[in-house]
Amino acid sequence: MPRPTAAQLAYGSCTVIFSTLAMLLLSQTSSGLGITVITLSALALGLLVAVTVPLPKRVPSAAAAPAVQARVPVRRETASVAASVSMSPEPVHEPAGP
């Protein structure tokens, strides 16, 4: 089960607090049963809001594979091929004598 993000926790907590205050002020209830019903409904609303917050987009693993392959060079040279290319004979220019 994935852990809740900071946004989910923040939105859910704010929803619980503000909806509880709003329902208690609007209903003007003073009975224990009314306060319990309002509190439980605010908790359910906060949970609903926290669950429905959009999650960050994740890159699917199939789309990530071509990006990794694109970074690998197509043609690799071995050390012996690279050494033979760099050691190719070049004309040597010696200074002319006196």
PDB file of N, CA and C in Angstrom:
ATOM      1  N   MET A   1       0.851  -1.170   0.000  1.00  0.00           N
ATOM      2  CA  MET A   1       0.000   0.000   0.000  1.00  0.00           C
ATOM      3  C   MET A   1       0.901   1.239   0.000  1.00  0.00           C
ATOM      4  N   PRO A   2       0.669   2.163  -0.924  1.00  0.00           N
ATOM      5  CA  PRO A   2       1.536   3.347  -0.985  1.00  0.00           C
ATOM      6  C   PRO A   2       1.291   4.282   0.186  1.00  0.00           C
ATOM      7  N   ARG A   3       2.345   4.976   0.570  1.00  0.00           N
ATOM      8  CA  ARG A   3       2.226   5.936   1.669  1.00  0.00           C
ATOM      9  C   ARG A   3       1.568   7.219   1.177  1.00  0.00           C
ATOM     10  N   PRO A   4       0.819   7.904   2.051  1.00  0.00           N
ATOM     11  CA  PRO A   4       0.198   9.162   1.616  1.00  0.00           C
ATOM     12  C   PRO A   4       1.251  10.251   1.424  1.00  0.00           C
ATOM     13  N   THR A   5       1.013  11.094   0.433  1.00  0.00           N
ATOM     14  CA  THR A   5       1.926  12.197   0.167  1.00  0.00           C
ATOM     15  C   THR A   5       1.625  13.356   1.113  1.00  0.00           C
ATOM     16  N   ALA A   6       2.499  14.349   1.108  1.00  0.00           N
ATOM     17  CA  ALA A   6       2.292  15.522   1.960  1.00  0.00           C
ATOM     18  C   ALA A   6       1.033  16.277   1.550  1.00  0.00           C
ATOM     19  N   ALA A   7       0.766  16.327   0.256  1.00  0.00           N
ATOM     20  CA  ALA A   7      -0.440  17.014  -0.222  1.00  0.00           C
ATOM     21  C   ALA A   7      -1.701  16.307   0.261  1.00  0.00           C
ATOM     22  N   GLN A   8      -1.692  14.985   0.230  1.00  0.00           N
ATOM     23  CA  GLN A   8      -2.851  14.238   0.705  1.00  0.00           C
ATOM     24  C   GLN A   8      -3.093  14.482   2.187  1.00  0.00           C
ATOM     25  N   LEU A   9      -2.034  14.467   2.967  1.00  0.00           N
ATOM     26  CA  LEU A   9      -2.191  14.713   4.407  1.00  0.00           C
ATOM     27  C   LEU A   9      -2.692  16.126   4.684  1.00  0.00           C
ATOM     28  N   ALA A  10      -2.154  17.102   3.960  1.00  0.00           N
ATOM     29  CA  ALA A  10      -2.545  18.492   4.184  1.00  0.00           C
ATOM     30  C   ALA A  10      -4.000  18.726   3.792  1.00  0.00           C
ATOM     31  N   TYR A  11      -4.397  18.263   2.601  1.00  0.00           N
ATOM     32  CA  TYR A  11      -5.775  18.473   2.158  1.00  0.00           C
ATOM     33  C   TYR A  11      -6.764  17.740   3.053  1.00  0.00           C
ATOM     34  N   GLY A  12      -6.439  16.516   3.441  1.00  0.00           N
ATOM     35  CA  GLY A  12      -7.342  15.762   4.304  1.00  0.00           C
ATOM     36  C   GLY A  12      -7.491  16.395   5.674  1.00  0.00           C
ATOM     37  N   SER A  13      -6.389  16.851   6.262  1.00  0.00           N
ATOM     38  CA  SER A  13      -6.449  17.477   7.587  1.00  0.00           C
ATOM     39  C   SER A  13      -7.222  18.792   7.555  1.00  0.00           C
ATOM     40  N   CYS A  14      -6.966  19.606   6.555  1.00  0.00           N
ATOM     41  CA  CYS A  14      -7.691  20.882   6.445  1.00  0.00           C
ATOM     42  C   CYS A  14      -9.176  20.654   6.233  1.00  0.00           C
ATOM     43  N   THR A  15      -9.509  19.636   5.444  1.00  0.00           N
ATOM     44  CA  THR A  15     -10.919  19.324   5.212  1.00  0.00           C
ATOM     45  C   THR A  15     -11.603  18.914   6.504  1.00  0.00           C
ATOM     46  N   VAL A  16     -10.951  18.078   7.295  1.00  0.00           N
ATOM     47  CA  VAL A  16     -11.546  17.635   8.561  1.00  0.00           C
ATOM     48  C   VAL A  16     -11.761  18.824   9.494  1.00  0.00           C
ATOM     49  N   ILE A  17     -10.753  19.666   9.641  1.00  0.00           N
ATOM     50  CA  ILE A  17     -10.845  20.785  10.586  1.00  0.00           C
ATOM     51  C   ILE A  17     -11.920  21.777  10.158  1.00  0.00           C
ATOM     52  N   PHE A  18     -11.854  22.213   8.889  1.00  0.00           N
ATOM     53  CA  PHE A  18     -12.797  23.248   8.448  1.00  0.00           C
ATOM     54  C   PHE A  18     -14.221  22.726   8.325  1.00  0.00           C
ATOM     55  N   SER A  19     -14.394  21.500   7.886  1.00  0.00           N
ATOM     56  CA  SER A  19     -15.756  20.977   7.786  1.00  0.00           C
ATOM     57  C   SER A  19     -16.367  20.728   9.163  1.00  0.00           C
ATOM     58  N   THR A  20     -15.549  20.309  10.123  1.00  0.00           N
ATOM     59  CA  THR A  20     -16.068  20.135  11.483  1.00  0.00           C
ATOM     60  C   THR A  20     -16.523  21.470  12.063  1.00  0.00           C
ATOM     61  N   LEU A  21     -15.667  22.481  11.935  1.00  0.00           N
ATOM     62  CA  LEU A  21     -16.051  23.804  12.449  1.00  0.00           C
ATOM     63  C   LEU A  21     -17.288  24.347  11.752  1.00  0.00           C
ATOM     64  N   ALA A  22     -17.355  24.206  10.435  1.00  0.00           N
ATOM     65  CA  ALA A  22     -18.505  24.731   9.695  1.00  0.00           C
ATOM     66  C   ALA A  22     -19.793  24.014  10.080  1.00  0.00           C
ATOM     67  N   MET A  23     -19.746  22.701  10.169  1.00  0.00           N
ATOM     68  CA  MET A  23     -20.977  21.958  10.525  1.00  0.00           C
ATOM     69  C   MET A  23     -21.406  22.226  11.959  1.00  0.00           C
ATOM     70  N   LEU A  24     -20.444  22.362  12.880  1.00  0.00           N
ATOM     71  CA  LEU A  24     -20.820  22.657  14.267  1.00  0.00           C
ATOM     72  C   LEU A  24     -21.419  24.056  14.383  1.00  0.00           C
ATOM     73  N   LEU A  25     -20.855  25.020  13.664  1.00  0.00           N
ATOM     74  CA  LEU A  25     -21.399  26.375  13.729  1.00  0.00           C
ATOM     75  C   LEU A  25     -22.756  26.484  13.038  1.00  0.00           C
ATOM     76  N   LEU A  26     -22.920  25.807  11.921  1.00  0.00           N
ATOM     77  CA  LEU A  26     -24.187  25.899  11.194  1.00  0.00           C
ATOM     78  C   LEU A  26     -25.299  25.112  11.873  1.00  0.00           C
ATOM     79  N   SER A  27     -24.993  23.974  12.467  1.00  0.00           N
ATOM     80  CA  SER A  27     -26.040  23.166  13.097  1.00  0.00           C
ATOM     81  C   SER A  27     -26.377  23.652  14.505  1.00  0.00           C
ATOM     82  N   GLN A  28     -25.467  24.331  15.157  1.00  0.00           N
ATOM     83  CA  GLN A  28     -25.633  24.834  16.529  1.00  0.00           C
ATOM     84  C   GLN A  28     -26.083  23.727  17.476  1.00  0.00           C
ATOM     85  N   THR A  29     -25.538  22.547  17.287  1.00  0.00           N
ATOM     86  CA  THR A  29     -25.894  21.420  18.145  1.00  0.00           C
ATOM     87  C   THR A  29     -25.066  21.462  19.423  1.00  0.00           C
ATOM     88  N   SER A  30     -25.647  20.964  20.483  1.00  0.00           N
ATOM     89  CA  SER A  30     -24.932  20.897  21.747  1.00  0.00           C
ATOM     90  C   SER A  30     -25.009  19.500  22.364  1.00  0.00           C
ATOM     91  N   SER A  31     -25.704  18.590  21.700  1.00  0.00           N
ATOM     92  CA  SER A  31     -25.814  17.235  22.224  1.00  0.00           C
ATOM     93  C   SER A  31     -24.583  16.411  21.834  1.00  0.00           C
ATOM     94  N   GLY A  32     -24.288  15.437  22.634  1.00  0.00           N
ATOM     95  CA  GLY A  32     -23.135  14.574  22.381  1.00  0.00           C
ATOM     96  C   GLY A  32     -23.301  13.753  21.112  1.00  0.00           C
ATOM     97  N   LEU A  33     -24.514  13.297  20.849  1.00  0.00           N
ATOM     98  CA  LEU A  33     -24.771  12.506  19.661  1.00  0.00           C
ATOM     99  C   LEU A  33     -24.590  13.353  18.391  1.00  0.00           C
ATOM    100  N   GLY A  34     -25.044  14.593  18.408  1.00  0.00           N
ATOM    101  CA  GLY A  34     -24.908  15.475  17.247  1.00  0.00           C
ATOM    102  C   GLY A  34     -23.447  15.790  16.958  1.00  0.00           C
ATOM    103  N   ILE A  35     -22.670  16.039  18.014  1.00  0.00           N
ATOM    104  CA  ILE A  35     -21.247  16.330  17.846  1.00  0.00           C
ATOM    105  C   ILE A  35     -20.518  15.093  17.302  1.00  0.00           C
ATOM    106  N   THR A  36     -20.895  13.910  17.774  1.00  0.00           N
ATOM    107  CA  THR A  36     -20.277  12.670  17.298  1.00  0.00           C
ATOM    108  C   THR A  36     -20.576  12.437  15.823  1.00  0.00           C
ATOM    109  N   VAL A  37     -21.822  12.665  15.428  1.00  0.00           N
ATOM    110  CA  VAL A  37     -22.201  12.485  14.025  1.00  0.00           C
ATOM    111  C   VAL A  37     -21.445  13.470  13.137  1.00  0.00           C
ATOM    112  N   ILE A  38     -21.355  14.717  13.558  1.00  0.00           N
ATOM    113  CA  ILE A  38     -20.636  15.729  12.779  1.00  0.00           C
ATOM    114  C   ILE A  38     -19.155  15.382  12.688  1.00  0.00           C
ATOM    115  N   THR A  39     -18.565  14.948  13.784  1.00  0.00           N
ATOM    116  CA  THR A  39     -17.140  14.601  13.787  1.00  0.00           C
ATOM    117  C   THR A  39     -16.848  13.423  12.862  1.00  0.00           C
ATOM    118  N   LEU A  40     -17.672  12.389  12.932  1.00  0.00           N
ATOM    119  CA  LEU A  40     -17.467  11.222  12.076  1.00  0.00           C
ATOM    120  C   LEU A  40     -17.681  11.556  10.600  1.00  0.00           C
ATOM    121  N   SER A  41     -18.674  12.392  10.312  1.00  0.00           N
ATOM    122  CA  SER A  41     -18.892  12.769   8.913  1.00  0.00           C
ATOM    123  C   SER A  41     -17.740  13.638   8.398  1.00  0.00           C
ATOM    124  N   ALA A  42     -17.177  14.496   9.244  1.00  0.00           N
ATOM    125  CA  ALA A  42     -16.021  15.305   8.836  1.00  0.00           C
ATOM    126  C   ALA A  42     -14.799  14.428   8.595  1.00  0.00           C
ATOM    127  N   LEU A  43     -14.603  13.403   9.417  1.00  0.00           N
ATOM    128  CA  LEU A  43     -13.496  12.473   9.201  1.00  0.00           C
ATOM    129  C   LEU A  43     -13.667  11.703   7.890  1.00  0.00           C
ATOM    130  N   ALA A  44     -14.893  11.274   7.600  1.00  0.00           N
ATOM    131  CA  ALA A  44     -15.154  10.569   6.344  1.00  0.00           C
ATOM    132  C   ALA A  44     -14.921  11.497   5.149  1.00  0.00           C
ATOM    133  N   LEU A  45     -15.344  12.735   5.256  1.00  0.00           N
ATOM    134  CA  LEU A  45     -15.118  13.697   4.177  1.00  0.00           C
ATOM    135  C   LEU A  45     -13.628  13.976   3.984  1.00  0.00           C
ATOM    136  N   GLY A  46     -12.891  14.119   5.079  1.00  0.00           N
ATOM    137  CA  GLY A  46     -11.447  14.329   4.985  1.00  0.00           C
ATOM    138  C   GLY A  46     -10.731  13.155   4.359  1.00  0.00           C
ATOM    139  N   LEU A  47     -11.145  11.941   4.686  1.00  0.00           N
ATOM    140  CA  LEU A  47     -10.565  10.747   4.077  1.00  0.00           C
ATOM    141  C   LEU A  47     -10.864  10.696   2.588  1.00  0.00           C
ATOM    142  N   LEU A  48     -12.085  11.047   2.218  1.00  0.00           N
ATOM    143  CA  LEU A  48     -12.455  11.069   0.804  1.00  0.00           C
ATOM    144  C   LEU A  48     -11.613  12.083   0.026  1.00  0.00           C
ATOM    145  N   VAL A  49     -11.417  13.263   0.594  1.00  0.00           N
ATOM    146  CA  VAL A  49     -10.604  14.290  -0.070  1.00  0.00           C
ATOM    147  C   VAL A  49      -9.154  13.840  -0.177  1.00  0.00           C
ATOM    148  N   ALA A  50      -8.618  13.240   0.865  1.00  0.00           N
ATOM    149  CA  ALA A  50      -7.221  12.803   0.847  1.00  0.00           C
ATOM    150  C   ALA A  50      -6.990  11.705  -0.183  1.00  0.00           C
ATOM    151  N   VAL A  51      -7.947  10.836  -0.367  1.00  0.00           N
ATOM    152  CA  VAL A  51      -7.792   9.738  -1.319  1.00  0.00           C
ATOM    153  C   VAL A  51      -7.926  10.231  -2.756  1.00  0.00           C
ATOM    154  N   THR A  52      -8.733  11.248  -2.987  1.00  0.00           N
ATOM    155  CA  THR A  52      -8.980  11.703  -4.353  1.00  0.00           C
ATOM    156  C   THR A  52      -7.995  12.773  -4.825  1.00  0.00           C
ATOM    157  N   VAL A  53      -7.050  13.194  -3.999  1.00  0.00           N
ATOM    158  CA  VAL A  53      -6.028  14.148  -4.444  1.00  0.00           C
ATOM    159  C   VAL A  53      -5.198  13.473  -5.514  1.00  0.00           C
ATOM    160  N   PRO A  54      -4.978  14.144  -6.659  1.00  0.00           N
ATOM    161  CA  PRO A  54      -4.187  13.505  -7.723  1.00  0.00           C
ATOM    162  C   PRO A  54      -2.764  13.203  -7.266  1.00  0.00           C
ATOM    163  N   LEU A  55      -2.302  12.016  -7.598  1.00  0.00           N
ATOM    164  CA  LEU A  55      -0.944  11.599  -7.258  1.00  0.00           C
ATOM    165  C   LEU A  55       0.019  12.094  -8.327  1.00  0.00           C
ATOM    166  N   PRO A  56       1.302  12.260  -7.983  1.00  0.00           N
ATOM    167  CA  PRO A  56       2.269  12.663  -9.006  1.00  0.00           C
ATOM    168  C   PRO A  56       2.371  11.610 -10.097  1.00  0.00           C
ATOM    169  N   LYS A  57       2.606  12.081 -11.321  1.00  0.00           N
ATOM    170  CA  LYS A  57       2.699  11.178 -12.468  1.00  0.00           C
ATOM    171  C   LYS A  57       3.971  10.346 -12.384  1.00  0.00           C
ATOM    172  N   ARG A  58       3.839   9.062 -12.657  1.00  0.00           N
ATOM    173  CA  ARG A  58       4.984   8.171 -12.660  1.00  0.00           C
ATOM    174  C   ARG A  58       5.267   7.753 -14.092  1.00  0.00           C
ATOM    175  N   VAL A  59       6.531   7.614 -14.412  1.00  0.00           N
ATOM    176  CA  VAL A  59       6.934   7.184 -15.741  1.00  0.00           C
ATOM    177  C   VAL A  59       6.820   5.672 -15.803  1.00  0.00           C
ATOM    178  N   PRO A  60       6.067   5.151 -16.763  1.00  0.00           N
ATOM    179  CA  PRO A  60       5.980   3.694 -16.865  1.00  0.00           C
ATOM    180  C   PRO A  60       7.330   3.091 -17.223  1.00  0.00           C
ATOM    181  N   SER A  61       7.556   1.881 -16.762  1.00  0.00           N
ATOM    182  CA  SER A  61       8.855   1.250 -16.970  1.00  0.00           C
ATOM    183  C   SER A  61       9.128   0.996 -18.447  1.00  0.00           C
ATOM    184  N   ALA A  62       8.115   0.766 -19.250  1.00  0.00           N
ATOM    185  CA  ALA A  62       8.317   0.530 -20.681  1.00  0.00           C
ATOM    186  C   ALA A  62       8.815   1.801 -21.370  1.00  0.00           C
ATOM    187  N   ALA A  63       8.366   2.956 -20.923  1.00  0.00           N
ATOM    188  CA  ALA A  63       8.816   4.208 -21.532  1.00  0.00           C
ATOM    189  C   ALA A  63      10.219   4.575 -21.059  1.00  0.00           C
ATOM    190  N   ALA A  64      10.618   4.102 -19.904  1.00  0.00           N
ATOM    191  CA  ALA A  64      11.953   4.418 -19.390  1.00  0.00           C
ATOM    192  C   ALA A  64      13.031   3.585 -20.068  1.00  0.00           C
ATOM    193  N   ALA A  65      12.694   2.410 -20.560  1.00  0.00           N
ATOM    194  CA  ALA A  65      13.684   1.529 -21.177  1.00  0.00           C
ATOM    195  C   ALA A  65      14.317   2.132 -22.429  1.00  0.00           C
ATOM    196  N   PRO A  66      13.563   2.731 -23.378  1.00  0.00           N
ATOM    197  CA  PRO A  66      14.226   3.314 -24.547  1.00  0.00           C
ATOM    198  C   PRO A  66      15.151   4.471 -24.195  1.00  0.00           C
ATOM    199  N   ALA A  67      14.832   5.207 -23.147  1.00  0.00           N
ATOM    200  CA  ALA A  67      15.699   6.316 -22.755  1.00  0.00           C
ATOM    201  C   ALA A  67      17.051   5.799 -22.276  1.00  0.00           C
ATOM    202  N   VAL A  68      17.064   4.657 -21.605  1.00  0.00           N
ATOM    203  CA  VAL A  68      18.319   4.077 -21.142  1.00  0.00           C
ATOM    204  C   VAL A  68      19.113   3.550 -22.332  1.00  0.00           C
ATOM    205  N   GLN A  69      18.424   2.941 -23.284  1.00  0.00           N
ATOM    206  CA  GLN A  69      19.111   2.408 -24.442  1.00  0.00           C
ATOM    207  C   GLN A  69      19.665   3.506 -25.323  1.00  0.00           C
ATOM    208  N   ALA A  70      19.037   4.658 -25.337  1.00  0.00           N
ATOM    209  CA  ALA A  70      19.505   5.744 -26.189  1.00  0.00           C
ATOM    210  C   ALA A  70      20.844   6.289 -25.705  1.00  0.00           C
ATOM    211  N   ARG A  71      21.156   6.145 -24.441  1.00  0.00           N
ATOM    212  CA  ARG A  71      22.402   6.669 -23.905  1.00  0.00           C
ATOM    213  C   ARG A  71      23.595   5.747 -24.176  1.00  0.00           C
ATOM    214  N   VAL A  72      23.348   4.507 -24.522  1.00  0.00           N
ATOM    215  CA  VAL A  72      24.433   3.559 -24.776  1.00  0.00           C
ATOM    216  C   VAL A  72      24.907   3.748 -26.213  1.00  0.00           C
ATOM    217  N   PRO A  73      26.223   3.902 -26.444  1.00  0.00           N
ATOM    218  CA  PRO A  73      26.698   4.089 -27.812  1.00  0.00           C
ATOM    219  C   PRO A  73      26.414   2.860 -28.665  1.00  0.00           C
ATOM    220  N   VAL A  74      26.124   3.112 -29.926  1.00  0.00           N
ATOM    221  CA  VAL A  74      25.776   2.022 -30.824  1.00  0.00           C
ATOM    222  C   VAL A  74      27.005   1.185 -31.159  1.00  0.00           C
ATOM    223  N   ARG A  75      28.123   1.835 -31.438  1.00  0.00           N
ATOM    224  CA  ARG A  75      29.335   1.126 -31.818  1.00  0.00           C
ATOM    225  C   ARG A  75      30.401   1.335 -30.759  1.00  0.00           C
ATOM    226  N   ARG A  76      30.927   0.240 -30.282  1.00  0.00           N
ATOM    227  CA  ARG A  76      31.994   0.318 -29.287  1.00  0.00           C
ATOM    228  C   ARG A  76      33.272  -0.215 -29.900  1.00  0.00           C
ATOM    229  N   GLU A  77      34.360   0.442 -29.603  1.00  0.00           N
ATOM    230  CA  GLU A  77      35.652  -0.027 -30.090  1.00  0.00           C
ATOM    231  C   GLU A  77      36.408  -0.655 -28.926  1.00  0.00           C
ATOM    232  N   THR A  78      37.116  -1.708 -29.222  1.00  0.00           N
ATOM    233  CA  THR A  78      37.927  -2.328 -28.190  1.00  0.00           C
ATOM    234  C   THR A  78      39.227  -1.551 -28.045  1.00  0.00           C
ATOM    235  N   ALA A  79      39.953  -1.828 -27.019  1.00  0.00           N
ATOM    236  CA  ALA A  79      41.198  -1.108 -26.763  1.00  0.00           C
ATOM    237  C   ALA A  79      42.226  -1.379 -27.853  1.00  0.00           C
ATOM    238  N   SER A  80      42.256  -2.598 -28.377  1.00  0.00           N
ATOM    239  CA  SER A  80      43.244  -2.910 -29.413  1.00  0.00           C
ATOM    240  C   SER A  80      42.942  -2.163 -30.710  1.00  0.00           C
ATOM    241  N   VAL A  81      41.678  -2.010 -31.060  1.00  0.00           N
ATOM    242  CA  VAL A  81      41.325  -1.269 -32.263  1.00  0.00           C
ATOM    243  C   VAL A  81      41.660   0.202 -32.081  1.00  0.00           C
ATOM    244  N   ALA A  82      41.350   0.753 -30.921  1.00  0.00           N
ATOM    245  CA  ALA A  82      41.650   2.154 -30.668  1.00  0.00           C
ATOM    246  C   ALA A  82      43.153   2.392 -30.660  1.00  0.00           C
ATOM    247  N   ALA A  83      43.931   1.456 -30.126  1.00  0.00           N
ATOM    248  CA  ALA A  83      45.385   1.611 -30.083  1.00  0.00           C
ATOM    249  C   ALA A  83      45.988   1.509 -31.475  1.00  0.00           C
ATOM    250  N   SER A  84      45.469   0.609 -32.294  1.00  0.00           N
ATOM    251  CA  SER A  84      46.026   0.470 -33.636  1.00  0.00           C
ATOM    252  C   SER A  84      45.708   1.682 -34.492  1.00  0.00           C
ATOM    253  N   VAL A  85      44.575   2.302 -34.265  1.00  0.00           N
ATOM    254  CA  VAL A  85      44.222   3.498 -35.019  1.00  0.00           C
ATOM    255  C   VAL A  85      45.107   4.658 -34.604  1.00  0.00           C
ATOM    256  N   SER A  86      45.381   4.782 -33.315  1.00  0.00           N
ATOM    257  CA  SER A  86      46.192   5.905 -32.851  1.00  0.00           C
ATOM    258  C   SER A  86      47.675   5.702 -33.153  1.00  0.00           C
ATOM    259  N   MET A  87      48.094   4.467 -33.388  1.00  0.00           N
ATOM    260  CA  MET A  87      49.503   4.201 -33.660  1.00  0.00           C
ATOM    261  C   MET A  87      49.762   4.018 -35.153  1.00  0.00           C
ATOM    262  N   SER A  88      48.918   4.565 -35.981  1.00  0.00           N
ATOM    263  CA  SER A  88      49.117   4.426 -37.423  1.00  0.00           C
ATOM    264  C   SER A  88      50.387   5.150 -37.832  1.00  0.00           C
ATOM    265  N   PRO A  89      51.116   4.599 -38.804  1.00  0.00           N
ATOM    266  CA  PRO A  89      52.370   5.224 -39.212  1.00  0.00           C
ATOM    267  C   PRO A  89      52.126   6.573 -39.884  1.00  0.00           C
ATOM    268  N   GLU A  90      52.855   7.525 -39.439  1.00  0.00           N
ATOM    269  CA  GLU A  90      52.781   8.859 -40.023  1.00  0.00           C
ATOM    270  C   GLU A  90      54.168   9.210 -40.545  1.00  0.00           C
ATOM    271  N   PRO A  91      54.239  10.012 -41.563  1.00  0.00           N
ATOM    272  CA  PRO A  91      55.563  10.396 -42.058  1.00  0.00           C
ATOM    273  C   PRO A  91      56.307  11.195 -41.003  1.00  0.00           C
ATOM    274  N   VAL A  92      57.571  10.855 -40.833  1.00  0.00           N
ATOM    275  CA  VAL A  92      58.396  11.528 -39.862  1.00  0.00           C
ATOM    276  C   VAL A  92      59.204  12.590 -40.577  1.00  0.00           C
ATOM    277  N   HIS A  93      59.157  13.805 -40.126  1.00  0.00           N
ATOM    278  CA  HIS A  93      59.906  14.894 -40.721  1.00  0.00           C
ATOM    279  C   HIS A  93      61.090  15.202 -39.826  1.00  0.00           C
ATOM    280  N   GLU A  94      62.284  14.902 -40.347  1.00  0.00           N
ATOM    281  CA  GLU A  94      63.494  15.206 -39.584  1.00  0.00           C
ATOM    282  C   GLU A  94      64.101  16.492 -40.126  1.00  0.00           C
ATOM    283  N   PRO A  95      64.676  17.244 -39.233  1.00  0.00           N
ATOM    284  CA  PRO A  95      65.298  18.478 -39.718  1.00  0.00           C
ATOM    285  C   PRO A  95      66.465  18.167 -40.656  1.00  0.00           C
ATOM    286  N   ALA A  96      66.646  19.031 -41.640  1.00  0.00           N
ATOM    287  CA  ALA A  96      67.729  18.834 -42.617  1.00  0.00           C
ATOM    288  C   ALA A  96      69.066  19.098 -41.941  1.00  0.00           C
ATOM    289  N   GLY A  97      70.063  18.303 -42.292  1.00  0.00           N
ATOM    290  CA  GLY A  97      71.387  18.436 -41.700  1.00  0.00           C
ATOM    291  C   GLY A  97      72.136  19.678 -42.193  1.00  0.00           C
ATOM    292  N   PRO A  98      73.298  20.003 -41.600  1.00  0.00           N
ATOM    293  CA  PRO A  98      74.040  21.218 -41.992  1.00  0.00           C
ATOM    294  C   PRO A  98      74.725  21.136 -43.299  1.00  0.00           C
TER     295      PRO A  98
END
